[in-house]
Amino acid sequence: MNSAPPTADHERLRACMALDWFVRTWVPRWSLLVPDAGEQLASALAGLPPIRDLRTAESAGNLIMALSSGPDQTERFVAANYERDNFYDTAAVKAARQASATAVAGSAGTAVADAAASVILDESLAARTDIALKGVAALTLSHSLDSVWPYIQTWASGPGDFDAKRISIGNLAPIAAQRALDPTIEELRQEVCGLYIELGRLG
């Protein structure tokens, strides 16, 4: 016997649960990469009441606005400290950008935010999911760059000619940059499985 199709109320609840996971699990987990300010934001978001309506979404959005300056600050830092015509600098930045893009999508952030917005757009806008995605991309870029740069320095100062180093760095820098973010990506992949189970139970 086929189960009844989900009602509009069920779809709305599922979307609210997805948005809530994004705000109170996904964003905090990435925010923990930033000592002090990021840890405080993570604690504040995790302590919010579950998002079930526009009011609770707005409360979340007010906190998420703390991430709004992150992208510009990160880009200014990169521009000021990494030269575009320096191979080692550009290799580090390129590897960190690739790792950051993988982190945001690979940890289910984009998919869950899009799924919520497809049903409860007003609440998603109020929760500032756009700011959250850009902010997390900025902080993962910064964290990955901080992690890969020591490797770049080691490879640059090691034995061998420049051509050999260029090949080595081209192969290894993306791995080092990605490794800095992999633990959090894996944790969130495990977490989102629990979300999918809960959503499935609603029918």
N, C-alpha and C. Protein backbone atom coordinates (compact mmCIF):
# COMPACT_ATOMS: atom_id res chain seq x y z
N MET A 1 0.85 -1.19 0.00
CA MET A 1 0.00 0.00 0.00
C MET A 1 0.89 1.24 0.00
N ASN A 2 0.61 2.16 -0.90
CA ASN A 2 1.42 3.36 -1.01
C ASN A 2 1.08 4.33 0.12
N SER A 3 2.11 4.99 0.65
CA SER A 3 1.87 5.99 1.68
C SER A 3 1.33 7.25 1.04
N ALA A 4 0.65 8.06 1.86
CA ALA A 4 0.08 9.30 1.35
C ALA A 4 1.18 10.28 1.00
N PRO A 5 0.98 11.08 -0.04
CA PRO A 5 2.00 12.06 -0.40
C PRO A 5 2.16 13.09 0.71
N PRO A 6 3.34 13.66 0.83
CA PRO A 6 3.56 14.66 1.89
C PRO A 6 2.69 15.89 1.68
N THR A 7 2.19 16.42 2.77
CA THR A 7 1.38 17.63 2.70
C THR A 7 2.29 18.85 2.67
N ALA A 8 1.68 20.02 2.42
CA ALA A 8 2.45 21.26 2.42
C ALA A 8 3.09 21.51 3.78
N ASP A 9 2.37 21.15 4.85
CA ASP A 9 2.92 21.34 6.19
C ASP A 9 4.14 20.45 6.41
N HIS A 10 4.08 19.21 5.88
CA HIS A 10 5.22 18.31 5.99
C HIS A 10 6.42 18.87 5.23
N GLU A 11 6.18 19.36 4.03
CA GLU A 11 7.27 19.90 3.23
C GLU A 11 7.89 21.11 3.90
N ARG A 12 7.05 21.92 4.50
CA ARG A 12 7.56 23.10 5.19
C ARG A 12 8.41 22.69 6.40
N LEU A 13 7.93 21.71 7.15
CA LEU A 13 8.67 21.24 8.31
C LEU A 13 10.02 20.65 7.88
N ARG A 14 10.02 19.87 6.83
CA ARG A 14 11.27 19.29 6.33
C ARG A 14 12.26 20.39 5.93
N ALA A 15 11.75 21.41 5.26
CA ALA A 15 12.62 22.51 4.86
C ALA A 15 13.16 23.26 6.06
N CYS A 16 12.32 23.46 7.06
CA CYS A 16 12.77 24.13 8.28
C CYS A 16 13.85 23.31 8.99
N MET A 17 13.69 22.01 9.00
CA MET A 17 14.69 21.14 9.61
C MET A 17 16.01 21.21 8.86
N ALA A 18 15.94 21.28 7.53
CA ALA A 18 17.15 21.41 6.73
C ALA A 18 17.84 22.74 7.01
N LEU A 19 17.07 23.82 7.05
CA LEU A 19 17.63 25.13 7.33
C LEU A 19 18.23 25.16 8.73
N ASP A 20 17.54 24.54 9.66
CA ASP A 20 18.04 24.50 11.04
C ASP A 20 19.38 23.76 11.11
N TRP A 21 19.49 22.65 10.39
CA TRP A 21 20.76 21.91 10.37
C TRP A 21 21.87 22.77 9.78
N PHE A 22 21.55 23.47 8.72
CA PHE A 22 22.53 24.34 8.09
C PHE A 22 23.03 25.41 9.06
N VAL A 23 22.10 26.03 9.77
CA VAL A 23 22.43 27.15 10.65
C VAL A 23 23.08 26.68 11.94
N ARG A 24 22.54 25.64 12.55
CA ARG A 24 22.98 25.28 13.91
C ARG A 24 23.96 24.12 13.97
N THR A 25 24.25 23.51 12.81
CA THR A 25 25.26 22.44 12.77
C THR A 25 26.35 22.78 11.76
N TRP A 26 25.96 23.05 10.51
CA TRP A 26 26.96 23.25 9.45
C TRP A 26 27.81 24.49 9.68
N VAL A 27 27.16 25.63 9.87
CA VAL A 27 27.92 26.87 10.08
C VAL A 27 28.77 26.80 11.35
N PRO A 28 28.23 26.36 12.49
CA PRO A 28 29.06 26.28 13.69
C PRO A 28 30.27 25.38 13.54
N ARG A 29 30.10 24.25 12.84
CA ARG A 29 31.23 23.33 12.72
C ARG A 29 32.39 23.99 11.98
N TRP A 30 32.09 24.75 10.95
CA TRP A 30 33.15 25.47 10.24
C TRP A 30 33.67 26.66 11.05
N SER A 31 32.79 27.30 11.79
CA SER A 31 33.21 28.45 12.58
C SER A 31 34.23 28.07 13.63
N LEU A 32 34.20 26.84 14.08
CA LEU A 32 35.14 26.38 15.11
C LEU A 32 36.59 26.41 14.63
N LEU A 33 36.80 26.55 13.33
CA LEU A 33 38.17 26.66 12.82
C LEU A 33 38.82 27.98 13.23
N VAL A 34 38.01 28.95 13.63
CA VAL A 34 38.52 30.28 13.99
C VAL A 34 38.51 30.40 15.51
N PRO A 35 39.66 30.49 16.14
CA PRO A 35 39.70 30.62 17.61
C PRO A 35 38.96 31.86 18.09
N ASP A 36 38.44 31.78 19.28
CA ASP A 36 37.79 32.89 19.95
C ASP A 36 36.51 33.34 19.24
N ALA A 37 36.62 34.26 18.29
CA ALA A 37 35.42 34.82 17.65
C ALA A 37 34.60 33.74 16.97
N GLY A 38 35.26 32.84 16.24
CA GLY A 38 34.55 31.76 15.57
C GLY A 38 33.93 30.79 16.56
N GLU A 39 34.65 30.50 17.62
CA GLU A 39 34.11 29.61 18.65
C GLU A 39 32.90 30.23 19.34
N GLN A 40 32.95 31.52 19.57
CA GLN A 40 31.81 32.21 20.19
C GLN A 40 30.60 32.19 19.27
N LEU A 41 30.82 32.42 17.99
CA LEU A 41 29.72 32.37 17.04
C LEU A 41 29.12 30.98 16.97
N ALA A 42 29.98 29.98 16.95
CA ALA A 42 29.50 28.59 16.91
C ALA A 42 28.63 28.28 18.11
N SER A 43 29.06 28.70 19.28
CA SER A 43 28.30 28.45 20.49
C SER A 43 26.96 29.17 20.47
N ALA A 44 26.97 30.41 19.98
CA ALA A 44 25.72 31.19 19.93
C ALA A 44 24.72 30.57 18.95
N LEU A 45 25.21 30.15 17.78
CA LEU A 45 24.31 29.54 16.79
C LEU A 45 23.76 28.21 17.27
N ALA A 46 24.63 27.39 17.85
CA ALA A 46 24.18 26.08 18.33
C ALA A 46 23.17 26.22 19.46
N GLY A 47 23.22 27.33 20.18
CA GLY A 47 22.32 27.54 21.30
C GLY A 47 20.99 28.16 20.93
N LEU A 48 20.80 28.49 19.66
CA LEU A 48 19.53 29.06 19.23
C LEU A 48 18.41 28.03 19.31
N PRO A 49 17.17 28.50 19.47
CA PRO A 49 16.04 27.55 19.35
C PRO A 49 15.94 27.05 17.92
N PRO A 50 15.38 25.88 17.71
CA PRO A 50 15.24 25.34 16.35
C PRO A 50 14.50 26.31 15.44
N ILE A 51 14.95 26.37 14.19
CA ILE A 51 14.29 27.25 13.20
C ILE A 51 13.01 26.58 12.72
N ARG A 52 11.90 27.22 13.00
CA ARG A 52 10.61 26.69 12.58
C ARG A 52 9.72 27.74 11.94
N ASP A 53 10.16 29.00 11.96
CA ASP A 53 9.33 30.07 11.39
C ASP A 53 10.24 31.24 11.05
N LEU A 54 9.63 32.32 10.57
CA LEU A 54 10.39 33.48 10.15
C LEU A 54 11.12 34.14 11.32
N ARG A 55 10.49 34.16 12.47
CA ARG A 55 11.10 34.81 13.63
C ARG A 55 12.38 34.11 14.05
N THR A 56 12.35 32.79 14.14
CA THR A 56 13.55 32.06 14.55
C THR A 56 14.62 32.11 13.46
N ALA A 57 14.19 32.21 12.20
CA ALA A 57 15.16 32.35 11.11
C ALA A 57 15.85 33.72 11.20
N GLU A 58 15.10 34.75 11.52
CA GLU A 58 15.68 36.09 11.64
C GLU A 58 16.68 36.15 12.79
N SER A 59 16.39 35.48 13.88
CA SER A 59 17.32 35.44 15.01
C SER A 59 18.64 34.84 14.58
N ALA A 60 18.58 33.78 13.78
CA ALA A 60 19.79 33.16 13.27
C ALA A 60 20.52 34.10 12.33
N GLY A 61 19.76 34.75 11.46
CA GLY A 61 20.37 35.66 10.50
C GLY A 61 21.13 36.80 11.16
N ASN A 62 20.61 37.28 12.27
CA ASN A 62 21.30 38.36 12.99
C ASN A 62 22.68 37.92 13.46
N LEU A 63 22.82 36.68 13.87
CA LEU A 63 24.12 36.16 14.30
C LEU A 63 25.02 35.88 13.09
N ILE A 64 24.45 35.33 12.04
CA ILE A 64 25.25 34.96 10.87
C ILE A 64 25.85 36.20 10.20
N MET A 65 25.25 37.35 10.40
CA MET A 65 25.80 38.58 9.84
C MET A 65 27.23 38.83 10.32
N ALA A 66 27.63 38.19 11.40
CA ALA A 66 29.01 38.33 11.88
C ALA A 66 30.00 37.83 10.84
N LEU A 67 29.55 36.98 9.90
CA LEU A 67 30.41 36.45 8.85
C LEU A 67 30.48 37.35 7.62
N SER A 68 29.71 38.42 7.60
CA SER A 68 29.56 39.19 6.36
C SER A 68 30.85 39.89 5.93
N SER A 69 31.69 40.26 6.86
CA SER A 69 32.93 40.96 6.49
C SER A 69 34.06 40.01 6.13
N GLY A 70 33.87 38.72 6.39
CA GLY A 70 34.93 37.74 6.17
C GLY A 70 35.48 37.67 4.75
N PRO A 71 34.62 37.60 3.73
CA PRO A 71 35.14 37.49 2.36
C PRO A 71 36.04 38.65 1.95
N ASP A 72 35.61 39.88 2.24
CA ASP A 72 36.42 41.03 1.86
C ASP A 72 37.73 41.07 2.63
N GLN A 73 37.68 40.75 3.91
CA GLN A 73 38.89 40.75 4.73
C GLN A 73 39.88 39.71 4.22
N THR A 74 39.36 38.54 3.88
CA THR A 74 40.24 37.48 3.40
C THR A 74 40.89 37.85 2.08
N GLU A 75 40.11 38.42 1.17
CA GLU A 75 40.66 38.79 -0.13
C GLU A 75 41.69 39.92 0.02
N ARG A 76 41.45 40.84 0.92
CA ARG A 76 42.44 41.91 1.16
C ARG A 76 43.73 41.32 1.73
N PHE A 77 43.60 40.35 2.61
CA PHE A 77 44.78 39.72 3.19
C PHE A 77 45.58 38.97 2.11
N VAL A 78 44.88 38.24 1.25
CA VAL A 78 45.55 37.51 0.18
C VAL A 78 46.27 38.48 -0.75
N ALA A 79 45.59 39.56 -1.12
CA ALA A 79 46.19 40.54 -2.04
C ALA A 79 47.42 41.20 -1.44
N ALA A 80 47.38 41.42 -0.13
CA ALA A 80 48.48 42.13 0.52
C ALA A 80 49.68 41.23 0.82
N ASN A 81 49.46 39.93 0.93
CA ASN A 81 50.52 39.04 1.41
C ASN A 81 50.99 38.00 0.40
N TYR A 82 50.27 37.84 -0.71
CA TYR A 82 50.64 36.83 -1.69
C TYR A 82 50.73 37.49 -3.07
N GLU A 83 51.92 37.46 -3.65
CA GLU A 83 52.15 38.14 -4.92
C GLU A 83 51.71 37.28 -6.10
N ARG A 84 51.03 37.91 -7.05
CA ARG A 84 50.50 37.18 -8.20
C ARG A 84 51.58 36.68 -9.13
N ASP A 85 52.73 37.35 -9.15
CA ASP A 85 53.80 36.92 -10.05
C ASP A 85 54.83 36.04 -9.36
N ASN A 86 54.53 35.58 -8.15
CA ASN A 86 55.41 34.67 -7.43
C ASN A 86 54.81 33.27 -7.49
N PHE A 87 55.54 32.33 -8.07
CA PHE A 87 54.99 30.99 -8.26
C PHE A 87 54.55 30.35 -6.96
N TYR A 88 55.37 30.46 -5.92
CA TYR A 88 55.06 29.80 -4.65
C TYR A 88 53.81 30.40 -4.01
N ASP A 89 53.68 31.72 -4.09
CA ASP A 89 52.48 32.37 -3.56
C ASP A 89 51.23 31.93 -4.31
N THR A 90 51.31 31.98 -5.63
CA THR A 90 50.13 31.63 -6.42
C THR A 90 49.76 30.16 -6.27
N ALA A 91 50.76 29.29 -6.11
CA ALA A 91 50.48 27.87 -5.91
C ALA A 91 49.74 27.64 -4.61
N ALA A 92 50.15 28.36 -3.56
CA ALA A 92 49.49 28.22 -2.26
C ALA A 92 48.05 28.71 -2.33
N VAL A 93 47.84 29.87 -2.93
CA VAL A 93 46.50 30.44 -3.01
C VAL A 93 45.60 29.57 -3.89
N LYS A 94 46.11 29.11 -5.00
CA LYS A 94 45.30 28.27 -5.89
C LYS A 94 44.88 26.98 -5.18
N ALA A 95 45.79 26.35 -4.48
CA ALA A 95 45.47 25.11 -3.78
C ALA A 95 44.43 25.35 -2.69
N ALA A 96 44.58 26.47 -1.96
CA ALA A 96 43.64 26.77 -0.88
C ALA A 96 42.25 27.10 -1.43
N ARG A 97 42.19 27.79 -2.56
CA ARG A 97 40.89 28.10 -3.16
C ARG A 97 40.19 26.82 -3.62
N GLN A 98 40.92 25.92 -4.21
CA GLN A 98 40.32 24.65 -4.64
C GLN A 98 39.78 23.87 -3.44
N ALA A 99 40.57 23.84 -2.37
CA ALA A 99 40.16 23.11 -1.17
C ALA A 99 38.92 23.75 -0.55
N SER A 100 38.88 25.08 -0.55
CA SER A 100 37.74 25.79 0.03
C SER A 100 36.46 25.50 -0.75
N ALA A 101 36.54 25.53 -2.07
CA ALA A 101 35.36 25.24 -2.89
C ALA A 101 34.86 23.82 -2.64
N THR A 102 35.79 22.89 -2.51
CA THR A 102 35.42 21.51 -2.22
C THR A 102 34.75 21.39 -0.86
N ALA A 103 35.26 22.14 0.10
CA ALA A 103 34.75 22.05 1.46
C ALA A 103 33.30 22.50 1.55
N VAL A 104 32.97 23.61 0.93
CA VAL A 104 31.62 24.15 1.02
C VAL A 104 30.61 23.21 0.37
N ALA A 105 30.94 22.71 -0.80
CA ALA A 105 30.02 21.80 -1.49
C ALA A 105 30.08 20.39 -0.91
N GLY A 106 31.30 19.91 -0.64
CA GLY A 106 31.48 18.52 -0.21
C GLY A 106 30.94 18.23 1.17
N SER A 107 30.76 19.25 1.98
CA SER A 107 30.22 19.04 3.33
C SER A 107 28.72 19.26 3.38
N ALA A 108 28.08 19.31 2.22
CA ALA A 108 26.62 19.36 2.05
C ALA A 108 26.02 20.73 2.32
N GLY A 109 26.83 21.74 2.56
CA GLY A 109 26.28 23.05 2.86
C GLY A 109 25.44 23.63 1.74
N THR A 110 25.96 23.63 0.54
CA THR A 110 25.23 24.21 -0.59
C THR A 110 23.94 23.45 -0.88
N ALA A 111 24.01 22.13 -0.88
CA ALA A 111 22.83 21.32 -1.20
C ALA A 111 21.72 21.52 -0.17
N VAL A 112 22.07 21.53 1.10
CA VAL A 112 21.06 21.68 2.14
C VAL A 112 20.45 23.08 2.11
N ALA A 113 21.28 24.09 1.92
CA ALA A 113 20.77 25.46 1.85
C ALA A 113 19.84 25.63 0.66
N ASP A 114 20.21 25.05 -0.48
CA ASP A 114 19.36 25.15 -1.68
C ASP A 114 18.04 24.40 -1.49
N ALA A 115 18.11 23.25 -0.84
CA ALA A 115 16.89 22.47 -0.61
C ALA A 115 15.92 23.24 0.28
N ALA A 116 16.44 23.87 1.32
CA ALA A 116 15.58 24.66 2.20
C ALA A 116 14.97 25.85 1.46
N ALA A 117 15.80 26.55 0.70
CA ALA A 117 15.33 27.74 -0.01
C ALA A 117 14.27 27.43 -1.05
N SER A 118 14.28 26.22 -1.58
CA SER A 118 13.29 25.85 -2.60
C SER A 118 11.89 25.77 -2.03
N VAL A 119 11.77 25.68 -0.70
CA VAL A 119 10.46 25.57 -0.06
C VAL A 119 10.16 26.78 0.82
N ILE A 120 11.15 27.22 1.56
CA ILE A 120 10.94 28.34 2.49
C ILE A 120 11.95 29.44 2.17
N LEU A 121 11.75 30.09 1.05
CA LEU A 121 12.69 31.10 0.60
C LEU A 121 12.79 32.27 1.58
N ASP A 122 11.66 32.74 2.08
CA ASP A 122 11.69 33.89 2.99
C ASP A 122 12.51 33.59 4.24
N GLU A 123 12.31 32.41 4.79
CA GLU A 123 13.06 32.04 5.99
C GLU A 123 14.55 31.87 5.69
N SER A 124 14.85 31.33 4.53
CA SER A 124 16.24 31.16 4.14
C SER A 124 16.94 32.50 3.96
N LEU A 125 16.22 33.44 3.35
CA LEU A 125 16.77 34.78 3.20
C LEU A 125 16.96 35.45 4.56
N ALA A 126 15.98 35.26 5.43
CA ALA A 126 16.07 35.86 6.77
C ALA A 126 17.24 35.28 7.56
N ALA A 127 17.52 34.00 7.36
CA ALA A 127 18.63 33.35 8.06
C ALA A 127 19.97 33.68 7.44
N ARG A 128 19.96 34.40 6.33
CA ARG A 128 21.16 34.86 5.63
C ARG A 128 22.06 33.69 5.22
N THR A 129 21.45 32.72 4.57
CA THR A 129 22.23 31.58 4.10
C THR A 129 23.27 32.01 3.07
N ASP A 130 22.97 33.07 2.31
CA ASP A 130 23.94 33.56 1.34
C ASP A 130 25.21 34.06 2.03
N ILE A 131 25.02 34.80 3.12
CA ILE A 131 26.16 35.28 3.89
C ILE A 131 26.92 34.12 4.50
N ALA A 132 26.18 33.12 4.99
CA ALA A 132 26.82 31.97 5.62
C ALA A 132 27.71 31.21 4.64
N LEU A 133 27.21 30.98 3.43
CA LEU A 133 27.99 30.24 2.43
C LEU A 133 29.26 31.00 2.05
N LYS A 134 29.12 32.31 1.83
CA LYS A 134 30.29 33.11 1.47
C LYS A 134 31.26 33.22 2.65
N GLY A 135 30.71 33.36 3.85
CA GLY A 135 31.56 33.48 5.03
C GLY A 135 32.34 32.22 5.31
N VAL A 136 31.69 31.07 5.17
CA VAL A 136 32.38 29.81 5.39
C VAL A 136 33.44 29.59 4.31
N ALA A 137 33.13 29.96 3.07
CA ALA A 137 34.13 29.85 2.01
C ALA A 137 35.37 30.68 2.34
N ALA A 138 35.16 31.85 2.91
CA ALA A 138 36.29 32.71 3.27
C ALA A 138 37.12 32.13 4.40
N LEU A 139 36.45 31.61 5.42
CA LEU A 139 37.23 31.10 6.55
C LEU A 139 37.91 29.77 6.22
N THR A 140 37.30 28.97 5.34
CA THR A 140 37.99 27.74 4.93
C THR A 140 39.17 28.06 4.03
N LEU A 141 39.04 29.09 3.21
CA LEU A 141 40.17 29.53 2.40
C LEU A 141 41.32 29.97 3.29
N SER A 142 41.02 30.77 4.28
CA SER A 142 42.05 31.27 5.18
C SER A 142 42.71 30.13 5.95
N HIS A 143 41.90 29.20 6.45
CA HIS A 143 42.44 28.08 7.22
C HIS A 143 43.30 27.18 6.36
N SER A 144 42.83 26.90 5.16
CA SER A 144 43.58 26.04 4.25
C SER A 144 44.89 26.70 3.84
N LEU A 145 44.84 28.00 3.59
CA LEU A 145 46.04 28.73 3.20
C LEU A 145 47.07 28.73 4.32
N ASP A 146 46.61 28.94 5.54
CA ASP A 146 47.52 28.89 6.69
C ASP A 146 48.15 27.51 6.84
N SER A 147 47.40 26.49 6.46
CA SER A 147 47.90 25.12 6.61
C SER A 147 48.87 24.72 5.50
N VAL A 148 48.61 25.17 4.27
CA VAL A 148 49.44 24.74 3.15
C VAL A 148 50.73 25.56 3.04
N TRP A 149 50.72 26.79 3.53
CA TRP A 149 51.86 27.66 3.32
C TRP A 149 53.16 27.11 3.93
N PRO A 150 53.16 26.54 5.14
CA PRO A 150 54.42 25.97 5.66
C PRO A 150 54.99 24.88 4.75
N TYR A 151 54.12 24.09 4.13
CA TYR A 151 54.59 23.07 3.19
C TYR A 151 55.24 23.72 1.97
N ILE A 152 54.62 24.78 1.47
CA ILE A 152 55.17 25.49 0.32
C ILE A 152 56.57 26.01 0.66
N GLN A 153 56.73 26.57 1.84
CA GLN A 153 58.04 27.09 2.26
C GLN A 153 59.07 25.98 2.34
N THR A 154 58.66 24.84 2.87
CA THR A 154 59.58 23.71 2.98
C THR A 154 60.00 23.21 1.61
N TRP A 155 59.03 23.06 0.71
CA TRP A 155 59.36 22.59 -0.64
C TRP A 155 60.21 23.61 -1.39
N ALA A 156 59.93 24.90 -1.18
CA ALA A 156 60.67 25.94 -1.89
C ALA A 156 62.13 25.99 -1.45
N SER A 157 62.38 25.73 -0.18
CA SER A 157 63.75 25.82 0.35
C SER A 157 64.50 24.50 0.27
N GLY A 158 63.85 23.46 -0.18
CA GLY A 158 64.49 22.15 -0.25
C GLY A 158 65.41 22.00 -1.45
N PRO A 159 66.05 20.85 -1.57
CA PRO A 159 66.97 20.62 -2.69
C PRO A 159 66.24 20.48 -4.02
N GLY A 160 66.95 20.64 -5.09
CA GLY A 160 66.38 20.48 -6.42
C GLY A 160 66.24 21.81 -7.15
N ASP A 161 66.15 21.74 -8.47
CA ASP A 161 66.01 22.97 -9.24
C ASP A 161 64.54 23.41 -9.26
N PHE A 162 64.32 24.58 -9.82
CA PHE A 162 62.98 25.17 -9.78
C PHE A 162 61.96 24.33 -10.52
N ASP A 163 62.35 23.77 -11.67
CA ASP A 163 61.40 22.96 -12.44
C ASP A 163 60.92 21.75 -11.65
N ALA A 164 61.84 21.13 -10.93
CA ALA A 164 61.47 19.97 -10.11
C ALA A 164 60.55 20.40 -8.97
N LYS A 165 60.87 21.53 -8.36
CA LYS A 165 60.03 22.02 -7.27
C LYS A 165 58.64 22.39 -7.78
N ARG A 166 58.59 22.98 -8.96
CA ARG A 166 57.30 23.36 -9.52
C ARG A 166 56.40 22.14 -9.73
N ILE A 167 56.97 21.07 -10.22
CA ILE A 167 56.19 19.85 -10.42
C ILE A 167 55.74 19.28 -9.07
N SER A 168 56.67 19.25 -8.12
CA SER A 168 56.35 18.71 -6.80
C SER A 168 55.24 19.51 -6.13
N ILE A 169 55.38 20.82 -6.15
CA ILE A 169 54.39 21.67 -5.51
C ILE A 169 53.05 21.58 -6.22
N GLY A 170 53.07 21.51 -7.53
CA GLY A 170 51.83 21.38 -8.29
C GLY A 170 51.06 20.13 -7.92
N ASN A 171 51.79 19.06 -7.60
CA ASN A 171 51.15 17.79 -7.24
C ASN A 171 50.75 17.72 -5.77
N LEU A 172 51.58 18.29 -4.90
CA LEU A 172 51.40 18.09 -3.48
C LEU A 172 50.63 19.20 -2.76
N ALA A 173 50.72 20.43 -3.25
CA ALA A 173 50.04 21.53 -2.57
C ALA A 173 48.53 21.32 -2.46
N PRO A 174 47.84 20.86 -3.53
CA PRO A 174 46.41 20.63 -3.38
C PRO A 174 46.08 19.59 -2.32
N ILE A 175 46.94 18.59 -2.18
CA ILE A 175 46.70 17.56 -1.18
C ILE A 175 46.84 18.13 0.23
N ALA A 176 47.89 18.93 0.44
CA ALA A 176 48.10 19.53 1.76
C ALA A 176 46.98 20.50 2.11
N ALA A 177 46.54 21.27 1.14
CA ALA A 177 45.46 22.23 1.38
C ALA A 177 44.16 21.53 1.72
N GLN A 178 43.87 20.44 1.00
CA GLN A 178 42.64 19.71 1.23
C GLN A 178 42.66 18.98 2.57
N ARG A 179 43.81 18.47 2.94
CA ARG A 179 43.93 17.71 4.18
C ARG A 179 43.54 18.54 5.39
N ALA A 180 43.77 19.84 5.33
CA ALA A 180 43.44 20.71 6.46
C ALA A 180 41.93 20.79 6.70
N LEU A 181 41.14 20.55 5.66
CA LEU A 181 39.69 20.68 5.77
C LEU A 181 38.96 19.34 5.82
N ASP A 182 39.65 18.28 5.46
CA ASP A 182 39.00 16.96 5.37
C ASP A 182 38.33 16.49 6.66
N PRO A 183 38.93 16.69 7.83
CA PRO A 183 38.25 16.21 9.05
C PRO A 183 36.87 16.82 9.25
N THR A 184 36.75 18.12 9.01
CA THR A 184 35.46 18.78 9.17
C THR A 184 34.48 18.35 8.10
N ILE A 185 34.96 18.19 6.87
CA ILE A 185 34.10 17.70 5.79
C ILE A 185 33.52 16.34 6.15
N GLU A 186 34.37 15.45 6.62
CA GLU A 186 33.91 14.11 6.96
C GLU A 186 32.92 14.13 8.12
N GLU A 187 33.17 14.96 9.13
CA GLU A 187 32.23 15.06 10.25
C GLU A 187 30.86 15.51 9.77
N LEU A 188 30.83 16.50 8.90
CA LEU A 188 29.55 17.03 8.43
C LEU A 188 28.85 16.05 7.50
N ARG A 189 29.60 15.28 6.74
CA ARG A 189 28.97 14.25 5.92
C ARG A 189 28.27 13.22 6.80
N GLN A 190 28.89 12.88 7.91
CA GLN A 190 28.25 11.95 8.84
C GLN A 190 27.01 12.59 9.46
N GLU A 191 27.12 13.86 9.82
CA GLU A 191 26.00 14.56 10.43
C GLU A 191 24.80 14.66 9.48
N VAL A 192 25.08 14.95 8.21
CA VAL A 192 23.97 15.15 7.28
C VAL A 192 23.24 13.84 7.00
N CYS A 193 23.90 12.72 7.18
CA CYS A 193 23.21 11.44 7.04
C CYS A 193 22.09 11.32 8.07
N GLY A 194 22.36 11.80 9.29
CA GLY A 194 21.33 11.80 10.31
C GLY A 194 20.17 12.71 9.95
N LEU A 195 20.48 13.84 9.33
CA LEU A 195 19.42 14.75 8.88
C LEU A 195 18.55 14.07 7.83
N TYR A 196 19.17 13.41 6.86
CA TYR A 196 18.41 12.75 5.81
C TYR A 196 17.48 11.67 6.38
N ILE A 197 17.97 10.98 7.39
CA ILE A 197 17.14 9.93 8.03
C ILE A 197 15.91 10.57 8.69
N GLU A 198 16.16 11.68 9.40
CA GLU A 198 15.05 12.36 10.07
C GLU A 198 14.04 12.89 9.05
N LEU A 199 14.53 13.44 7.97
CA LEU A 199 13.61 13.96 6.93
C LEU A 199 12.82 12.83 6.29
N GLY A 200 13.47 11.68 6.11
CA GLY A 200 12.78 10.54 5.52
C GLY A 200 11.67 10.02 6.41
N ARG A 201 11.85 10.11 7.70
CA ARG A 201 10.83 9.63 8.63
C ARG A 201 9.55 10.45 8.57
N LEU A 202 9.68 11.69 8.09
CA LEU A 202 8.49 12.52 7.99
C LEU A 202 7.60 12.14 6.81
N GLY A 203 8.16 11.32 5.91
CA GLY A 203 7.37 10.85 4.78
C GLY A 203 7.26 11.85 3.65
